[in-house]
């Protein structure tokens, strides 16, 4: 049995399982920005502040991104965004949760 123990291997999500929560970066912010209009249409809200702060990924036939987004001073939402495989790599808002806090865990939801 070969066991891989490298920093890269420890940070990879298992297929079907969600990886650990990590600080959001510019790439995750770009994914959140792509679904902002869809979220605003579905909720009837306009979000002046829309800053991704944390995320997790789940590898499926593409990638599910679970993103915690700050939308007010102490107000957060959770997004589940699906990104398909290349060549399309389409991004779509799959689900969302409103009225979250910074302390709420970023867990799987449907």
PDB file of N, CA and C in Angstrom:
ATOM      1  N   UNK A   1       0.854  -1.179   0.000  1.00  0.00           N
ATOM      2  CA  UNK A   1       0.000   0.000   0.000  1.00  0.00           C
ATOM      3  C   UNK A   1       0.892   1.232   0.000  1.00  0.00           C
ATOM      4  N   UNK A   2       0.625   2.142  -0.931  1.00  0.00           N
ATOM      5  CA  UNK A   2       1.356   3.402  -0.983  1.00  0.00           C
ATOM      6  C   UNK A   2       0.494   4.499  -0.390  1.00  0.00           C
ATOM      7  N   UNK A   3       1.042   5.248   0.515  1.00  0.00           N
ATOM      8  CA  UNK A   3       0.335   6.365   1.130  1.00  0.00           C
ATOM      9  C   UNK A   3       1.023   7.642   0.693  1.00  0.00           C
ATOM     10  N   UNK A   4       0.256   8.528   0.112  1.00  0.00           N
ATOM     11  CA  UNK A   4       0.801   9.809  -0.332  1.00  0.00           C
ATOM     12  C   UNK A   4       0.597  10.811   0.787  1.00  0.00           C
ATOM     13  N   UNK A   5       1.659  11.429   1.203  1.00  0.00           N
ATOM     14  CA  UNK A   5       1.561  12.416   2.274  1.00  0.00           C
ATOM     15  C   UNK A   5       2.347  13.651   1.871  1.00  0.00           C
ATOM     16  N   UNK A   6       1.748  14.448   1.040  1.00  0.00           N
ATOM     17  CA  UNK A   6       2.364  15.709   0.642  1.00  0.00           C
ATOM     18  C   UNK A   6       1.382  16.818   0.956  1.00  0.00           C
ATOM     19  N   UNK A   7       1.849  18.055   1.042  1.00  0.00           N
ATOM     20  CA  UNK A   7       0.903  19.166   1.279  1.00  0.00           C
ATOM     21  C   UNK A   7      -0.190  19.219   0.226  1.00  0.00           C
ATOM     22  N   UNK A   8       0.160  18.953  -1.051  1.00  0.00           N
ATOM     23  CA  UNK A   8      -0.839  18.996  -2.113  1.00  0.00           C
ATOM     24  C   UNK A   8      -1.879  17.905  -1.922  1.00  0.00           C
ATOM     25  N   UNK A   9      -1.450  16.694  -1.557  1.00  0.00           N
ATOM     26  CA  UNK A   9      -2.384  15.586  -1.376  1.00  0.00           C
ATOM     27  C   UNK A   9      -3.308  15.851  -0.192  1.00  0.00           C
ATOM     28  N   UNK A  10      -2.791  16.442   0.867  1.00  0.00           N
ATOM     29  CA  UNK A  10      -3.627  16.705   2.047  1.00  0.00           C
ATOM     30  C   UNK A  10      -4.679  17.771   1.761  1.00  0.00           C
ATOM     31  N   UNK A  11      -4.419  18.678   0.813  1.00  0.00           N
ATOM     32  CA  UNK A  11      -5.358  19.748   0.510  1.00  0.00           C
ATOM     33  C   UNK A  11      -6.379  19.374  -0.543  1.00  0.00           C
ATOM     34  N   UNK A  12      -6.217  18.229  -1.197  1.00  0.00           N
ATOM     35  CA  UNK A  12      -7.149  17.816  -2.239  1.00  0.00           C
ATOM     36  C   UNK A  12      -8.398  17.205  -1.624  1.00  0.00           C
ATOM     37  N   UNK A  13      -9.549  17.524  -2.192  1.00  0.00           N
ATOM     38  CA  UNK A  13     -10.801  16.933  -1.723  1.00  0.00           C
ATOM     39  C   UNK A  13     -10.956  15.559  -2.347  1.00  0.00           C
ATOM     40  N   UNK A  14     -11.519  14.637  -1.617  1.00  0.00           N
ATOM     41  CA  UNK A  14     -11.845  13.339  -2.173  1.00  0.00           C
ATOM     42  C   UNK A  14     -13.041  13.489  -3.087  1.00  0.00           C
ATOM     43  N   UNK A  15     -13.099  12.671  -4.118  1.00  0.00           N
ATOM     44  CA  UNK A  15     -14.253  12.716  -5.002  1.00  0.00           C
ATOM     45  C   UNK A  15     -15.497  12.420  -4.177  1.00  0.00           C
ATOM     46  N   UNK A  16     -16.467  13.317  -4.241  1.00  0.00           N
ATOM     47  CA  UNK A  16     -17.712  13.156  -3.499  1.00  0.00           C
ATOM     48  C   UNK A  16     -17.683  13.763  -2.118  1.00  0.00           C
ATOM     49  N   UNK A  17     -16.518  13.956  -1.528  1.00  0.00           N
ATOM     50  CA  UNK A  17     -16.419  14.533  -0.196  1.00  0.00           C
ATOM     51  C   UNK A  17     -15.994  15.989  -0.288  1.00  0.00           C
ATOM     52  N   UNK A  18     -16.476  16.808   0.636  1.00  0.00           N
ATOM     53  CA  UNK A  18     -16.103  18.222   0.647  1.00  0.00           C
ATOM     54  C   UNK A  18     -14.764  18.391   1.342  1.00  0.00           C
ATOM     55  N   UNK A  19     -13.922  19.219   0.772  1.00  0.00           N
ATOM     56  CA  UNK A  19     -12.623  19.506   1.358  1.00  0.00           C
ATOM     57  C   UNK A  19     -12.762  20.460   2.529  1.00  0.00           C
ATOM     58  N   UNK A  20     -11.645  20.792   3.160  1.00  0.00           N
ATOM     59  CA  UNK A  20     -11.673  21.692   4.315  1.00  0.00           C
ATOM     60  C   UNK A  20     -12.011  23.120   3.898  1.00  0.00           C
ATOM     61  N   UNK A  21     -12.539  23.897   4.849  1.00  0.00           N
ATOM     62  CA  UNK A  21     -12.821  25.309   4.600  1.00  0.00           C
ATOM     63  C   UNK A  21     -11.501  26.066   4.506  1.00  0.00           C
ATOM     64  N   UNK A  22     -11.430  26.965   3.521  1.00  0.00           N
ATOM     65  CA  UNK A  22     -10.222  27.754   3.292  1.00  0.00           C
ATOM     66  C   UNK A  22     -10.604  29.205   3.053  1.00  0.00           C
ATOM     67  N   UNK A  23      -9.673  30.128   3.290  1.00  0.00           N
ATOM     68  CA  UNK A  23      -9.954  31.535   2.975  1.00  0.00           C
ATOM     69  C   UNK A  23     -10.188  31.702   1.479  1.00  0.00           C
ATOM     70  N   UNK A  24     -11.138  32.535   1.135  1.00  0.00           N
ATOM     71  CA  UNK A  24     -11.446  32.781  -0.278  1.00  0.00           C
ATOM     72  C   UNK A  24     -10.328  33.601  -0.912  1.00  0.00           C
ATOM     73  N   UNK A  25     -10.101  33.347  -2.193  1.00  0.00           N
ATOM     74  CA  UNK A  25      -9.107  34.098  -2.956  1.00  0.00           C
ATOM     75  C   UNK A  25      -9.803  34.760  -4.146  1.00  0.00           C
ATOM     76  N   UNK A  26      -9.023  35.389  -5.006  1.00  0.00           N
ATOM     77  CA  UNK A  26      -9.591  36.108  -6.154  1.00  0.00           C
ATOM     78  C   UNK A  26     -10.358  35.184  -7.092  1.00  0.00           C
ATOM     79  N   UNK A  27      -9.903  33.950  -7.257  1.00  0.00           N
ATOM     80  CA  UNK A  27     -10.597  33.011  -8.145  1.00  0.00           C
ATOM     81  C   UNK A  27     -11.982  32.662  -7.602  1.00  0.00           C
ATOM     82  N   UNK A  28     -12.089  32.477  -6.282  1.00  0.00           N
ATOM     83  CA  UNK A  28     -13.384  32.171  -5.660  1.00  0.00           C
ATOM     84  C   UNK A  28     -14.293  33.395  -5.725  1.00  0.00           C
ATOM     85  N   UNK A  29     -13.730  34.590  -5.520  1.00  0.00           N
ATOM     86  CA  UNK A  29     -14.526  35.814  -5.643  1.00  0.00           C
ATOM     87  C   UNK A  29     -15.095  35.927  -7.055  1.00  0.00           C
ATOM     88  N   UNK A  30     -14.312  35.583  -8.057  1.00  0.00           N
ATOM     89  CA  UNK A  30     -14.783  35.647  -9.443  1.00  0.00           C
ATOM     90  C   UNK A  30     -15.945  34.685  -9.676  1.00  0.00           C
ATOM     91  N   UNK A  31     -15.888  33.506  -9.070  1.00  0.00           N
ATOM     92  CA  UNK A  31     -16.984  32.537  -9.198  1.00  0.00           C
ATOM     93  C   UNK A  31     -18.241  33.088  -8.522  1.00  0.00           C
ATOM     94  N   UNK A  32     -18.091  33.638  -7.315  1.00  0.00           N
ATOM     95  CA  UNK A  32     -19.236  34.230  -6.614  1.00  0.00           C
ATOM     96  C   UNK A  32     -19.829  35.377  -7.432  1.00  0.00           C
ATOM     97  N   UNK A  33     -18.974  36.210  -7.994  1.00  0.00           N
ATOM     98  CA  UNK A  33     -19.451  37.346  -8.796  1.00  0.00           C
ATOM     99  C   UNK A  33     -20.273  36.887  -9.998  1.00  0.00           C
ATOM    100  N   UNK A  34     -19.935  35.732 -10.569  1.00  0.00           N
ATOM    101  CA  UNK A  34     -20.658  35.231 -11.739  1.00  0.00           C
ATOM    102  C   UNK A  34     -22.104  34.857 -11.415  1.00  0.00           C
ATOM    103  N   UNK A  35     -22.405  34.543 -10.153  1.00  0.00           N
ATOM    104  CA  UNK A  35     -23.776  34.143  -9.797  1.00  0.00           C
ATOM    105  C   UNK A  35     -24.511  35.221  -9.006  1.00  0.00           C
ATOM    106  N   UNK A  36     -23.884  36.372  -8.796  1.00  0.00           N
ATOM    107  CA  UNK A  36     -24.498  37.445  -7.997  1.00  0.00           C
ATOM    108  C   UNK A  36     -25.837  37.901  -8.583  1.00  0.00           C
ATOM    109  N   UNK A  37     -25.895  38.144  -9.873  1.00  0.00           N
ATOM    110  CA  UNK A  37     -27.138  38.615 -10.493  1.00  0.00           C
ATOM    111  C   UNK A  37     -28.239  37.567 -10.337  1.00  0.00           C
ATOM    112  N   UNK A  38     -27.907  36.306 -10.544  1.00  0.00           N
ATOM    113  CA  UNK A  38     -28.882  35.226 -10.379  1.00  0.00           C
ATOM    114  C   UNK A  38     -29.403  35.189  -8.940  1.00  0.00           C
ATOM    115  N   UNK A  39     -28.504  35.334  -7.968  1.00  0.00           N
ATOM    116  CA  UNK A  39     -28.902  35.350  -6.559  1.00  0.00           C
ATOM    117  C   UNK A  39     -29.815  36.537  -6.271  1.00  0.00           C
ATOM    118  N   UNK A  40     -29.474  37.702  -6.785  1.00  0.00           N
ATOM    119  CA  UNK A  40     -30.295  38.893  -6.564  1.00  0.00           C
ATOM    120  C   UNK A  40     -31.687  38.718  -7.172  1.00  0.00           C
ATOM    121  N   UNK A  41     -31.766  38.093  -8.329  1.00  0.00           N
ATOM    122  CA  UNK A  41     -33.063  37.842  -8.955  1.00  0.00           C
ATOM    123  C   UNK A  41     -33.889  36.868  -8.127  1.00  0.00           C
ATOM    124  N   UNK A  42     -33.259  35.821  -7.611  1.00  0.00           N
ATOM    125  CA  UNK A  42     -33.981  34.804  -6.845  1.00  0.00           C
ATOM    126  C   UNK A  42     -34.427  35.318  -5.477  1.00  0.00           C
ATOM    127  N   UNK A  43     -33.628  36.181  -4.860  1.00  0.00           N
ATOM    128  CA  UNK A  43     -33.954  36.657  -3.512  1.00  0.00           C
ATOM    129  C   UNK A  43     -34.717  37.985  -3.522  1.00  0.00           C
ATOM    130  N   UNK A  44     -34.658  38.715  -4.623  1.00  0.00           N
ATOM    131  CA  UNK A  44     -35.274  40.040  -4.672  1.00  0.00           C
ATOM    132  C   UNK A  44     -34.466  41.084  -3.915  1.00  0.00           C
ATOM    133  N   UNK A  45     -33.221  40.750  -3.558  1.00  0.00           N
ATOM    134  CA  UNK A  45     -32.335  41.671  -2.837  1.00  0.00           C
ATOM    135  C   UNK A  45     -31.251  42.189  -3.764  1.00  0.00           C
ATOM    136  N   UNK A  46     -30.770  43.390  -3.490  1.00  0.00           N
ATOM    137  CA  UNK A  46     -29.597  43.936  -4.153  1.00  0.00           C
ATOM    138  C   UNK A  46     -28.475  43.951  -3.122  1.00  0.00           C
ATOM    139  N   UNK A  47     -27.359  43.342  -3.428  1.00  0.00           N
ATOM    140  CA  UNK A  47     -26.242  43.255  -2.490  1.00  0.00           C
ATOM    141  C   UNK A  47     -25.153  44.244  -2.889  1.00  0.00           C
ATOM    142  N   UNK A  48     -25.034  45.337  -2.112  1.00  0.00           N
ATOM    143  CA  UNK A  48     -23.977  46.317  -2.356  1.00  0.00           C
ATOM    144  C   UNK A  48     -22.631  45.722  -2.005  1.00  0.00           C
ATOM    145  N   UNK A  49     -22.570  45.075  -0.851  1.00  0.00           N
ATOM    146  CA  UNK A  49     -21.359  44.369  -0.437  1.00  0.00           C
ATOM    147  C   UNK A  49     -21.523  42.909  -0.829  1.00  0.00           C
ATOM    148  N   UNK A  50     -20.484  42.312  -1.410  1.00  0.00           N
ATOM    149  CA  UNK A  50     -20.562  40.922  -1.863  1.00  0.00           C
ATOM    150  C   UNK A  50     -19.145  40.373  -1.891  1.00  0.00           C
ATOM    151  N   UNK A  51     -18.628  40.059  -0.700  1.00  0.00           N
ATOM    152  CA  UNK A  51     -17.230  39.659  -0.552  1.00  0.00           C
ATOM    153  C   UNK A  51     -17.113  38.211  -0.091  1.00  0.00           C
ATOM    154  N   UNK A  52     -16.585  37.352  -0.949  1.00  0.00           N
ATOM    155  CA  UNK A  52     -16.337  35.958  -0.581  1.00  0.00           C
ATOM    156  C   UNK A  52     -15.262  35.936   0.498  1.00  0.00           C
ATOM    157  N   UNK A  53     -15.534  35.218   1.596  1.00  0.00           N
ATOM    158  CA  UNK A  53     -14.572  35.182   2.700  1.00  0.00           C
ATOM    159  C   UNK A  53     -14.030  33.783   2.967  1.00  0.00           C
ATOM    160  N   UNK A  54     -14.776  32.755   2.598  1.00  0.00           N
ATOM    161  CA  UNK A  54     -14.375  31.385   2.888  1.00  0.00           C
ATOM    162  C   UNK A  54     -15.034  30.464   1.867  1.00  0.00           C
ATOM    163  N   UNK A  55     -14.405  29.309   1.614  1.00  0.00           N
ATOM    164  CA  UNK A  55     -15.007  28.359   0.684  1.00  0.00           C
ATOM    165  C   UNK A  55     -14.531  26.943   0.966  1.00  0.00           C
ATOM    166  N   UNK A  56     -15.301  26.006   0.460  1.00  0.00           N
ATOM    167  CA  UNK A  56     -14.964  24.583   0.434  1.00  0.00           C
ATOM    168  C   UNK A  56     -15.305  24.089  -0.956  1.00  0.00           C
ATOM    169  N   UNK A  57     -14.680  23.004  -1.372  1.00  0.00           N
ATOM    170  CA  UNK A  57     -15.020  22.417  -2.662  1.00  0.00           C
ATOM    171  C   UNK A  57     -15.390  20.956  -2.490  1.00  0.00           C
ATOM    172  N   UNK A  58     -16.211  20.490  -3.420  1.00  0.00           N
ATOM    173  CA  UNK A  58     -16.606  19.087  -3.487  1.00  0.00           C
ATOM    174  C   UNK A  58     -16.458  18.672  -4.941  1.00  0.00           C
ATOM    175  N   UNK A  59     -15.622  17.680  -5.182  1.00  0.00           N
ATOM    176  CA  UNK A  59     -15.396  17.196  -6.541  1.00  0.00           C
ATOM    177  C   UNK A  59     -16.506  16.225  -6.906  1.00  0.00           C
ATOM    178  N   UNK A  60     -17.222  16.544  -7.970  1.00  0.00           N
ATOM    179  CA  UNK A  60     -18.293  15.689  -8.510  1.00  0.00           C
ATOM    180  C   UNK A  60     -17.983  15.577 -10.006  1.00  0.00           C
ATOM    181  N   UNK A  61     -18.953  15.547 -10.867  1.00  0.00           N
ATOM    182  CA  UNK A  61     -18.703  15.620 -12.313  1.00  0.00           C
ATOM    183  C   UNK A  61     -18.541  17.100 -12.640  1.00  0.00           C
ATOM    184  N   UNK A  62     -17.538  17.691 -12.061  1.00  0.00           N
ATOM    185  CA  UNK A  62     -17.293  19.126 -12.030  1.00  0.00           C
ATOM    186  C   UNK A  62     -16.926  19.438 -10.586  1.00  0.00           C
ATOM    187  N   UNK A  63     -17.201  20.648 -10.145  1.00  0.00           N
ATOM    188  CA  UNK A  63     -16.876  21.033  -8.771  1.00  0.00           C
ATOM    189  C   UNK A  63     -18.036  21.825  -8.177  1.00  0.00           C
ATOM    190  N   UNK A  64     -18.452  21.442  -6.960  1.00  0.00           N
ATOM    191  CA  UNK A  64     -19.363  22.259  -6.173  1.00  0.00           C
ATOM    192  C   UNK A  64     -18.518  23.155  -5.293  1.00  0.00           C
ATOM    193  N   UNK A  65     -18.793  24.446  -5.338  1.00  0.00           N
ATOM    194  CA  UNK A  65     -18.153  25.408  -4.450  1.00  0.00           C
ATOM    195  C   UNK A  65     -19.167  25.814  -3.398  1.00  0.00           C
ATOM    196  N   UNK A  66     -18.805  25.698  -2.144  1.00  0.00           N
ATOM    197  CA  UNK A  66     -19.608  26.205  -1.036  1.00  0.00           C
ATOM    198  C   UNK A  66     -18.893  27.466  -0.581  1.00  0.00           C
ATOM    199  N   UNK A  67     -19.548  28.605  -0.750  1.00  0.00           N
ATOM    200  CA  UNK A  67     -18.883  29.894  -0.539  1.00  0.00           C
ATOM    201  C   UNK A  67     -19.637  30.708   0.501  1.00  0.00           C
ATOM    202  N   UNK A  68     -18.910  31.175   1.512  1.00  0.00           N
ATOM    203  CA  UNK A  68     -19.475  32.111   2.499  1.00  0.00           C
ATOM    204  C   UNK A  68     -19.183  33.510   1.984  1.00  0.00           C
ATOM    205  N   UNK A  69     -20.248  34.317   1.815  1.00  0.00           N
ATOM    206  CA  UNK A  69     -20.122  35.659   1.264  1.00  0.00           C
ATOM    207  C   UNK A  69     -20.634  36.671   2.279  1.00  0.00           C
ATOM    208  N   UNK A  70     -19.831  37.697   2.544  1.00  0.00           N
ATOM    209  CA  UNK A  70     -20.267  38.778   3.428  1.00  0.00           C
ATOM    210  C   UNK A  70     -21.066  39.771   2.613  1.00  0.00           C
ATOM    211  N   UNK A  71     -22.307  40.036   3.067  1.00  0.00           N
ATOM    212  CA  UNK A  71     -23.197  40.949   2.343  1.00  0.00           C
ATOM    213  C   UNK A  71     -23.605  42.154   3.194  1.00  0.00           C
ATOM    214  N   UNK A  72     -23.099  42.236   4.410  1.00  0.00           N
ATOM    215  CA  UNK A  72     -23.370  43.346   5.321  1.00  0.00           C
ATOM    216  C   UNK A  72     -22.361  43.309   6.443  1.00  0.00           C
ATOM    217  N   UNK A  73     -22.448  44.286   7.349  1.00  0.00           N
ATOM    218  CA  UNK A  73     -21.455  44.375   8.431  1.00  0.00           C
ATOM    219  C   UNK A  73     -21.306  43.061   9.190  1.00  0.00           C
ATOM    220  N   UNK A  74     -22.431  42.472   9.579  1.00  0.00           N
ATOM    221  CA  UNK A  74     -22.409  41.186  10.282  1.00  0.00           C
ATOM    222  C   UNK A  74     -23.362  40.200   9.629  1.00  0.00           C
ATOM    223  N   UNK A  75     -23.552  40.342   8.327  1.00  0.00           N
ATOM    224  CA  UNK A  75     -24.500  39.511   7.590  1.00  0.00           C
ATOM    225  C   UNK A  75     -23.780  38.726   6.499  1.00  0.00           C
ATOM    226  N   UNK A  76     -24.075  37.433   6.466  1.00  0.00           N
ATOM    227  CA  UNK A  76     -23.426  36.533   5.525  1.00  0.00           C
ATOM    228  C   UNK A  76     -24.473  35.655   4.858  1.00  0.00           C
ATOM    229  N   UNK A  77     -24.122  35.128   3.698  1.00  0.00           N
ATOM    230  CA  UNK A  77     -24.936  34.132   3.011  1.00  0.00           C
ATOM    231  C   UNK A  77     -24.013  32.993   2.601  1.00  0.00           C
ATOM    232  N   UNK A  78     -24.593  31.825   2.398  1.00  0.00           N
ATOM    233  CA  UNK A  78     -23.842  30.681   1.890  1.00  0.00           C
ATOM    234  C   UNK A  78     -24.354  30.367   0.493  1.00  0.00           C
ATOM    235  N   UNK A  79     -23.445  30.146  -0.418  1.00  0.00           N
ATOM    236  CA  UNK A  79     -23.786  29.797  -1.792  1.00  0.00           C
ATOM    237  C   UNK A  79     -23.274  28.392  -2.100  1.00  0.00           C
ATOM    238  N   UNK A  80     -24.037  27.665  -2.890  1.00  0.00           N
ATOM    239  CA  UNK A  80     -23.520  26.429  -3.495  1.00  0.00           C
ATOM    240  C   UNK A  80     -23.523  26.676  -4.993  1.00  0.00           C
ATOM    241  N   UNK A  81     -22.342  26.698  -5.573  1.00  0.00           N
ATOM    242  CA  UNK A  81     -22.157  27.022  -6.985  1.00  0.00           C
ATOM    243  C   UNK A  81     -21.522  25.823  -7.669  1.00  0.00           C
ATOM    244  N   UNK A  82     -22.118  25.405  -8.771  1.00  0.00           N
ATOM    245  CA  UNK A  82     -21.585  24.284  -9.549  1.00  0.00           C
ATOM    246  C   UNK A  82     -20.803  24.815 -10.735  1.00  0.00           C
ATOM    247  N   UNK A  83     -19.580  24.313 -10.902  1.00  0.00           N
ATOM    248  CA  UNK A  83     -18.787  24.636 -12.084  1.00  0.00           C
ATOM    249  C   UNK A  83     -18.541  23.351 -12.849  1.00  0.00           C
ATOM    250  N   UNK A  84     -19.008  23.327 -14.082  1.00  0.00           N
ATOM    251  CA  UNK A  84     -18.862  22.136 -14.921  1.00  0.00           C
ATOM    252  C   UNK A  84     -17.438  21.933 -15.384  1.00  0.00           C
ATOM    253  N   UNK A  85     -17.236  20.804 -16.040  1.00  0.00           N
ATOM    254  CA  UNK A  85     -15.920  20.454 -16.564  1.00  0.00           C
ATOM    255  C   UNK A  85     -15.653  21.184 -17.871  1.00  0.00           C
ATOM    256  N   UNK A  86     -14.380  21.411 -18.196  1.00  0.00           N
ATOM    257  CA  UNK A  86     -14.056  21.991 -19.497  1.00  0.00           C
ATOM    258  C   UNK A  86     -14.566  21.078 -20.607  1.00  0.00           C
ATOM    259  N   UNK A  87     -14.879  21.542 -21.786  1.00  0.00           N
ATOM    260  CA  UNK A  87     -14.552  22.869 -22.257  1.00  0.00           C
ATOM    261  C   UNK A  87     -15.567  23.935 -21.866  1.00  0.00           C
ATOM    262  N   UNK A  88     -16.786  23.560 -21.457  1.00  0.00           N
ATOM    263  CA  UNK A  88     -17.775  24.581 -21.127  1.00  0.00           C
ATOM    264  C   UNK A  88     -17.436  25.312 -19.834  1.00  0.00           C
ATOM    265  N   UNK A  89     -17.139  24.567 -18.773  1.00  0.00           N
ATOM    266  CA  UNK A  89     -16.838  25.138 -17.459  1.00  0.00           C
ATOM    267  C   UNK A  89     -17.900  26.147 -17.016  1.00  0.00           C
ATOM    268  N   UNK A  90     -19.167  25.860 -17.350  1.00  0.00           N
ATOM    269  CA  UNK A  90     -20.243  26.767 -16.975  1.00  0.00           C
ATOM    270  C   UNK A  90     -20.349  26.852 -15.456  1.00  0.00           C
ATOM    271  N   UNK A  91     -20.838  27.991 -14.976  1.00  0.00           N
ATOM    272  CA  UNK A  91     -21.000  28.231 -13.545  1.00  0.00           C
ATOM    273  C   UNK A  91     -22.471  28.527 -13.302  1.00  0.00           C
ATOM    274  N   UNK A  92     -23.072  27.829 -12.308  1.00  0.00           N
ATOM    275  CA  UNK A  92     -24.475  28.092 -11.999  1.00  0.00           C
ATOM    276  C   UNK A  92     -24.713  28.041 -10.499  1.00  0.00           C
ATOM    277  N   UNK A  93     -25.610  28.903 -10.042  1.00  0.00           N
ATOM    278  CA  UNK A  93     -26.019  28.931  -8.641  1.00  0.00           C
ATOM    279  C   UNK A  93     -26.955  27.752  -8.405  1.00  0.00           C
ATOM    280  N   UNK A  94     -26.538  26.816  -7.554  1.00  0.00           N
ATOM    281  CA  UNK A  94     -27.343  25.620  -7.277  1.00  0.00           C
ATOM    282  C   UNK A  94     -28.264  25.816  -6.089  1.00  0.00           C
ATOM    283  N   UNK A  95     -27.795  26.517  -5.064  1.00  0.00           N
ATOM    284  CA  UNK A  95     -28.584  26.727  -3.848  1.00  0.00           C
ATOM    285  C   UNK A  95     -27.952  27.864  -3.048  1.00  0.00           C
ATOM    286  N   UNK A  96     -28.710  28.392  -2.097  1.00  0.00           N
ATOM    287  CA  UNK A  96     -28.184  29.448  -1.233  1.00  0.00           C
ATOM    288  C   UNK A  96     -28.890  29.401   0.109  1.00  0.00           C
ATOM    289  N   UNK A  97     -28.239  29.960   1.113  1.00  0.00           N
ATOM    290  CA  UNK A  97     -28.811  30.091   2.449  1.00  0.00           C
ATOM    291  C   UNK A  97     -28.587  31.530   2.903  1.00  0.00           C
ATOM    292  N   UNK A  98     -29.653  32.181   3.333  1.00  0.00           N
ATOM    293  CA  UNK A  98     -29.577  33.559   3.807  1.00  0.00           C
ATOM    294  C   UNK A  98     -29.431  33.580   5.329  1.00  0.00           C
ATOM    295  N   UNK A  99     -29.216  34.749   5.876  1.00  0.00           N
ATOM    296  CA  UNK A  99     -29.181  34.985   7.334  1.00  0.00           C
ATOM    297  C   UNK A  99     -28.160  34.104   8.036  1.00  0.00           C
ATOM    298  N   UNK A 100     -26.946  34.105   7.549  1.00  0.00           N
ATOM    299  CA  UNK A 100     -25.854  33.358   8.163  1.00  0.00           C
ATOM    300  C   UNK A 100     -24.946  34.330   8.910  1.00  0.00           C
ATOM    301  N   UNK A 101     -24.113  33.779   9.785  1.00  0.00           N
ATOM    302  CA  UNK A 101     -23.136  34.589  10.514  1.00  0.00           C
ATOM    303  C   UNK A 101     -21.739  34.117  10.141  1.00  0.00           C
ATOM    304  N   UNK A 102     -20.743  34.881  10.551  1.00  0.00           N
ATOM    305  CA  UNK A 102     -19.362  34.498  10.284  1.00  0.00           C
ATOM    306  C   UNK A 102     -19.033  33.169  10.952  1.00  0.00           C
ATOM    307  N   UNK A 103     -19.632  32.910  12.101  1.00  0.00           N
ATOM    308  CA  UNK A 103     -19.342  31.694  12.867  1.00  0.00           C
ATOM    309  C   UNK A 103     -20.048  30.450  12.331  1.00  0.00           C
ATOM    310  N   UNK A 104     -21.099  30.606  11.532  1.00  0.00           N
ATOM    311  CA  UNK A 104     -21.818  29.440  11.020  1.00  0.00           C
ATOM    312  C   UNK A 104     -20.883  28.590  10.161  1.00  0.00           C
ATOM    313  N   UNK A 105     -20.854  27.264  10.419  1.00  0.00           N
ATOM    314  CA  UNK A 105     -19.983  26.417   9.608  1.00  0.00           C
ATOM    315  C   UNK A 105     -20.452  26.342   8.165  1.00  0.00           C
ATOM    316  N   UNK A 106     -19.501  26.214   7.287  1.00  0.00           N
ATOM    317  CA  UNK A 106     -19.785  26.131   5.851  1.00  0.00           C
ATOM    318  C   UNK A 106     -19.889  24.664   5.485  1.00  0.00           C
ATOM    319  N   UNK A 107     -21.061  24.097   5.700  1.00  0.00           N
ATOM    320  CA  UNK A 107     -21.306  22.680   5.477  1.00  0.00           C
ATOM    321  C   UNK A 107     -22.087  22.452   4.189  1.00  0.00           C
ATOM    322  N   UNK A 108     -22.131  21.198   3.739  1.00  0.00           N
ATOM    323  CA  UNK A 108     -22.920  20.836   2.561  1.00  0.00           C
ATOM    324  C   UNK A 108     -24.381  21.185   2.797  1.00  0.00           C
ATOM    325  N   UNK A 109     -25.034  21.708   1.786  1.00  0.00           N
ATOM    326  CA  UNK A 109     -26.479  21.918   1.814  1.00  0.00           C
ATOM    327  C   UNK A 109     -27.002  21.785   0.405  1.00  0.00           C
ATOM    328  N   UNK A 110     -28.304  21.493   0.299  1.00  0.00           N
ATOM    329  CA  UNK A 110     -28.891  21.340  -1.039  1.00  0.00           C
ATOM    330  C   UNK A 110     -30.048  22.296  -1.226  1.00  0.00           C
TER     331      UNK A 110
END
